[in-house]
Amino acid sequence: MKYKPGDTVPRSAVYSVEHHSHRLMHAVTLMVDSRFPRCKKCKHNVRFRLLRTVEDRRVLPFHSHVFLEDDVEPERPLANAV
């Protein structure tokens, strides 16, 4: 299963990060109930896939870095224009 920015992280784990053509895949560790971050370059065109779970006590909170940024709100559908 793949996750997108703004989705709730279902379990503390290492996730692969697949960008939309500008960077090779890499990995990030995220905590349960946080939000998947967006990419600073491809924004919401990044996807995450669970690689392996980790114990909550061994996970440091995610912080923005050169490729990913935190504090992502879930995507909301656009309202129909009148």
N, C-alpha and C. Protein backbone atom coordinates (compact mmCIF):
# COMPACT_ATOMS: atom_id res chain seq x y z
N MET A 1 0.84 -1.18 0.00
CA MET A 1 0.00 0.00 0.00
C MET A 1 0.89 1.25 0.00
N LYS A 2 0.50 2.25 -0.77
CA LYS A 2 1.25 3.50 -0.83
C LYS A 2 0.46 4.60 -0.13
N TYR A 3 1.20 5.51 0.50
CA TYR A 3 0.61 6.63 1.21
C TYR A 3 1.07 7.93 0.56
N LYS A 4 0.27 8.99 0.72
CA LYS A 4 0.60 10.29 0.14
C LYS A 4 0.72 11.33 1.24
N PRO A 5 1.32 12.48 0.94
CA PRO A 5 1.46 13.53 1.95
C PRO A 5 0.10 13.91 2.55
N GLY A 6 0.09 14.08 3.86
CA GLY A 6 -1.14 14.42 4.57
C GLY A 6 -1.87 13.22 5.14
N ASP A 7 -1.63 12.01 4.59
CA ASP A 7 -2.22 10.80 5.17
C ASP A 7 -1.67 10.60 6.57
N THR A 8 -2.45 9.97 7.44
CA THR A 8 -1.99 9.65 8.78
C THR A 8 -1.10 8.41 8.73
N VAL A 9 0.03 8.48 9.41
CA VAL A 9 0.97 7.36 9.46
C VAL A 9 0.33 6.24 10.29
N PRO A 10 0.10 5.05 9.69
CA PRO A 10 -0.62 3.98 10.38
C PRO A 10 0.18 3.27 11.47
N ARG A 11 1.51 3.26 11.35
CA ARG A 11 2.35 2.62 12.38
C ARG A 11 3.75 3.19 12.31
N SER A 12 4.42 3.19 13.45
CA SER A 12 5.80 3.66 13.47
C SER A 12 6.63 2.69 12.66
N ALA A 13 7.33 3.26 11.65
CA ALA A 13 8.04 2.39 10.72
C ALA A 13 9.02 3.18 9.87
N VAL A 14 9.84 2.42 9.16
CA VAL A 14 10.70 2.99 8.12
C VAL A 14 9.91 2.88 6.83
N TYR A 15 9.77 4.00 6.11
CA TYR A 15 9.02 4.05 4.86
C TYR A 15 9.95 4.44 3.72
N SER A 16 9.77 3.80 2.57
CA SER A 16 10.50 4.25 1.39
C SER A 16 9.80 5.51 0.89
N VAL A 17 10.59 6.43 0.33
CA VAL A 17 10.08 7.69 -0.19
C VAL A 17 10.35 7.70 -1.68
N GLU A 18 9.28 7.76 -2.48
CA GLU A 18 9.41 7.72 -3.93
C GLU A 18 8.97 9.07 -4.50
N HIS A 19 9.95 9.83 -5.00
CA HIS A 19 9.69 11.16 -5.54
C HIS A 19 9.27 11.06 -7.01
N HIS A 20 8.68 12.15 -7.50
CA HIS A 20 8.18 12.20 -8.87
C HIS A 20 9.27 12.59 -9.87
N SER A 21 10.30 11.90 -10.04
CA SER A 21 11.30 12.06 -11.11
C SER A 21 12.50 12.93 -10.80
N HIS A 22 12.57 13.60 -9.68
CA HIS A 22 13.74 14.46 -9.46
C HIS A 22 14.75 13.86 -8.49
N ARG A 23 14.41 12.76 -7.82
CA ARG A 23 15.32 12.18 -6.84
C ARG A 23 15.11 10.68 -6.76
N LEU A 24 16.19 9.96 -6.46
CA LEU A 24 16.08 8.52 -6.27
C LEU A 24 15.36 8.24 -4.95
N MET A 25 14.83 7.02 -4.85
CA MET A 25 14.13 6.59 -3.64
C MET A 25 15.08 6.66 -2.44
N HIS A 26 14.54 7.05 -1.29
CA HIS A 26 15.29 7.02 -0.04
C HIS A 26 14.33 6.58 1.06
N ALA A 27 14.75 6.57 2.29
CA ALA A 27 13.90 6.09 3.39
C ALA A 27 13.80 7.14 4.48
N VAL A 28 12.69 7.09 5.20
CA VAL A 28 12.46 7.99 6.34
C VAL A 28 11.73 7.19 7.41
N THR A 29 12.02 7.49 8.68
CA THR A 29 11.34 6.84 9.79
C THR A 29 10.30 7.81 10.33
N LEU A 30 9.04 7.33 10.44
CA LEU A 30 7.94 8.18 10.89
C LEU A 30 7.19 7.52 12.04
N MET A 31 6.62 8.34 12.91
CA MET A 31 5.89 7.85 14.08
C MET A 31 4.40 7.71 13.79
N VAL A 32 3.78 6.72 14.40
CA VAL A 32 2.36 6.48 14.28
C VAL A 32 1.57 7.75 14.62
N ASP A 33 0.48 7.97 13.91
CA ASP A 33 -0.44 9.10 14.11
C ASP A 33 0.11 10.47 13.70
N SER A 34 1.34 10.51 13.16
CA SER A 34 1.82 11.77 12.59
C SER A 34 1.31 11.82 11.14
N ARG A 35 1.69 12.80 10.37
CA ARG A 35 1.27 12.92 8.97
C ARG A 35 2.46 12.67 8.06
N PHE A 36 2.20 12.03 6.92
CA PHE A 36 3.25 11.87 5.93
C PHE A 36 3.61 13.25 5.39
N PRO A 37 4.92 13.56 5.30
CA PRO A 37 5.33 14.88 4.84
C PRO A 37 5.26 15.02 3.32
N ARG A 38 5.35 16.26 2.84
CA ARG A 38 5.39 16.48 1.40
C ARG A 38 6.84 16.80 1.02
N CYS A 39 7.10 16.71 -0.26
CA CYS A 39 8.43 17.01 -0.79
C CYS A 39 8.53 18.51 -1.04
N LYS A 40 9.68 19.08 -0.75
CA LYS A 40 9.87 20.51 -0.99
C LYS A 40 9.87 20.84 -2.47
N LYS A 41 10.21 19.86 -3.33
CA LYS A 41 10.26 20.13 -4.77
C LYS A 41 9.01 19.62 -5.49
N CYS A 42 8.67 18.35 -5.34
CA CYS A 42 7.53 17.79 -6.08
C CYS A 42 6.23 17.84 -5.28
N LYS A 43 6.27 18.49 -4.11
CA LYS A 43 5.10 18.72 -3.25
C LYS A 43 4.32 17.43 -2.96
N HIS A 44 3.12 17.29 -3.50
CA HIS A 44 2.27 16.12 -3.20
C HIS A 44 2.51 14.96 -4.16
N ASN A 45 3.46 15.08 -5.07
CA ASN A 45 3.78 13.99 -6.01
C ASN A 45 4.87 13.10 -5.45
N VAL A 46 4.78 12.79 -4.19
CA VAL A 46 5.70 11.88 -3.52
C VAL A 46 4.84 10.81 -2.83
N ARG A 47 5.33 9.57 -2.80
CA ARG A 47 4.58 8.48 -2.18
C ARG A 47 5.48 7.72 -1.21
N PHE A 48 4.83 7.10 -0.23
CA PHE A 48 5.53 6.38 0.83
C PHE A 48 5.03 4.94 0.87
N ARG A 49 5.96 4.02 1.13
CA ARG A 49 5.61 2.60 1.22
C ARG A 49 6.33 2.03 2.45
N LEU A 50 5.58 1.29 3.28
CA LEU A 50 6.15 0.72 4.50
C LEU A 50 7.23 -0.30 4.16
N LEU A 51 8.40 -0.15 4.77
CA LEU A 51 9.49 -1.11 4.59
C LEU A 51 9.59 -2.05 5.78
N ARG A 52 9.60 -1.48 7.00
CA ARG A 52 9.64 -2.31 8.21
C ARG A 52 9.19 -1.50 9.41
N THR A 53 8.51 -2.17 10.32
CA THR A 53 8.02 -1.49 11.52
C THR A 53 9.16 -1.34 12.53
N VAL A 54 8.99 -0.39 13.42
CA VAL A 54 9.95 -0.15 14.50
C VAL A 54 9.18 0.08 15.78
N GLU A 55 9.85 -0.07 16.91
CA GLU A 55 9.22 0.19 18.20
C GLU A 55 9.12 1.70 18.40
N ASP A 56 7.98 2.17 18.91
CA ASP A 56 7.75 3.61 19.10
C ASP A 56 8.86 4.27 19.91
N ARG A 57 9.36 3.58 20.91
CA ARG A 57 10.37 4.21 21.77
C ARG A 57 11.71 4.40 21.06
N ARG A 58 11.88 3.80 19.88
CA ARG A 58 13.13 3.93 19.14
C ARG A 58 13.04 4.92 17.99
N VAL A 59 11.92 5.65 17.89
CA VAL A 59 11.72 6.57 16.78
C VAL A 59 11.83 8.01 17.26
N LEU A 60 12.69 8.78 16.61
CA LEU A 60 12.79 10.20 16.91
C LEU A 60 11.74 10.93 16.08
N PRO A 61 11.17 12.01 16.58
CA PRO A 61 10.17 12.76 15.81
C PRO A 61 10.78 13.25 14.50
N PHE A 62 9.96 13.25 13.44
CA PHE A 62 10.40 13.73 12.13
C PHE A 62 10.58 15.24 12.15
N HIS A 63 11.62 15.71 11.49
CA HIS A 63 11.86 17.14 11.33
C HIS A 63 12.13 17.42 9.86
N SER A 64 11.71 18.57 9.38
CA SER A 64 11.97 18.94 8.00
C SER A 64 13.46 18.85 7.71
N HIS A 65 13.79 18.51 6.47
CA HIS A 65 15.18 18.51 6.05
C HIS A 65 15.23 18.93 4.59
N VAL A 66 16.32 18.68 3.93
CA VAL A 66 16.55 19.21 2.59
C VAL A 66 15.49 18.78 1.57
N PHE A 67 14.88 17.59 1.71
CA PHE A 67 13.92 17.11 0.73
C PHE A 67 12.46 17.12 1.19
N LEU A 68 12.22 16.85 2.48
CA LEU A 68 10.85 16.73 2.97
C LEU A 68 10.54 17.81 3.99
N GLU A 69 9.27 18.23 4.03
CA GLU A 69 8.84 19.22 5.00
C GLU A 69 7.62 18.70 5.76
N ASP A 70 7.55 18.99 7.05
CA ASP A 70 6.45 18.48 7.87
C ASP A 70 5.29 19.46 7.93
N ASP A 71 4.38 19.22 8.86
CA ASP A 71 3.18 20.04 9.05
C ASP A 71 2.30 20.06 7.81
N VAL A 72 2.03 18.91 7.26
CA VAL A 72 1.20 18.79 6.08
C VAL A 72 -0.23 18.51 6.50
N GLU A 73 -1.14 19.31 6.01
CA GLU A 73 -2.56 19.07 6.22
C GLU A 73 -3.04 18.05 5.20
N PRO A 74 -4.03 17.22 5.54
CA PRO A 74 -4.58 16.28 4.55
C PRO A 74 -5.14 17.03 3.35
N GLU A 75 -5.02 16.41 2.18
CA GLU A 75 -5.58 17.03 0.98
C GLU A 75 -7.10 17.03 1.08
N ARG A 76 -7.71 18.15 0.71
CA ARG A 76 -9.16 18.25 0.71
C ARG A 76 -9.64 18.36 -0.72
N PRO A 77 -10.77 17.72 -1.03
CA PRO A 77 -11.30 17.85 -2.40
C PRO A 77 -11.67 19.29 -2.70
N LEU A 78 -11.48 19.68 -3.95
CA LEU A 78 -11.85 21.04 -4.35
C LEU A 78 -13.37 21.16 -4.41
N ALA A 79 -13.88 22.29 -3.96
CA ALA A 79 -15.33 22.52 -4.03
C ALA A 79 -15.73 22.80 -5.48
N ASN A 80 -16.92 22.38 -5.83
CA ASN A 80 -17.42 22.64 -7.19
C ASN A 80 -17.63 24.13 -7.39
N ALA A 81 -17.11 24.63 -8.50
CA ALA A 81 -17.27 26.05 -8.80
C ALA A 81 -18.68 26.29 -9.32
N VAL A 82 -19.24 27.43 -8.95
CA VAL A 82 -20.60 27.76 -9.39
C VAL A 82 -20.54 28.59 -10.64
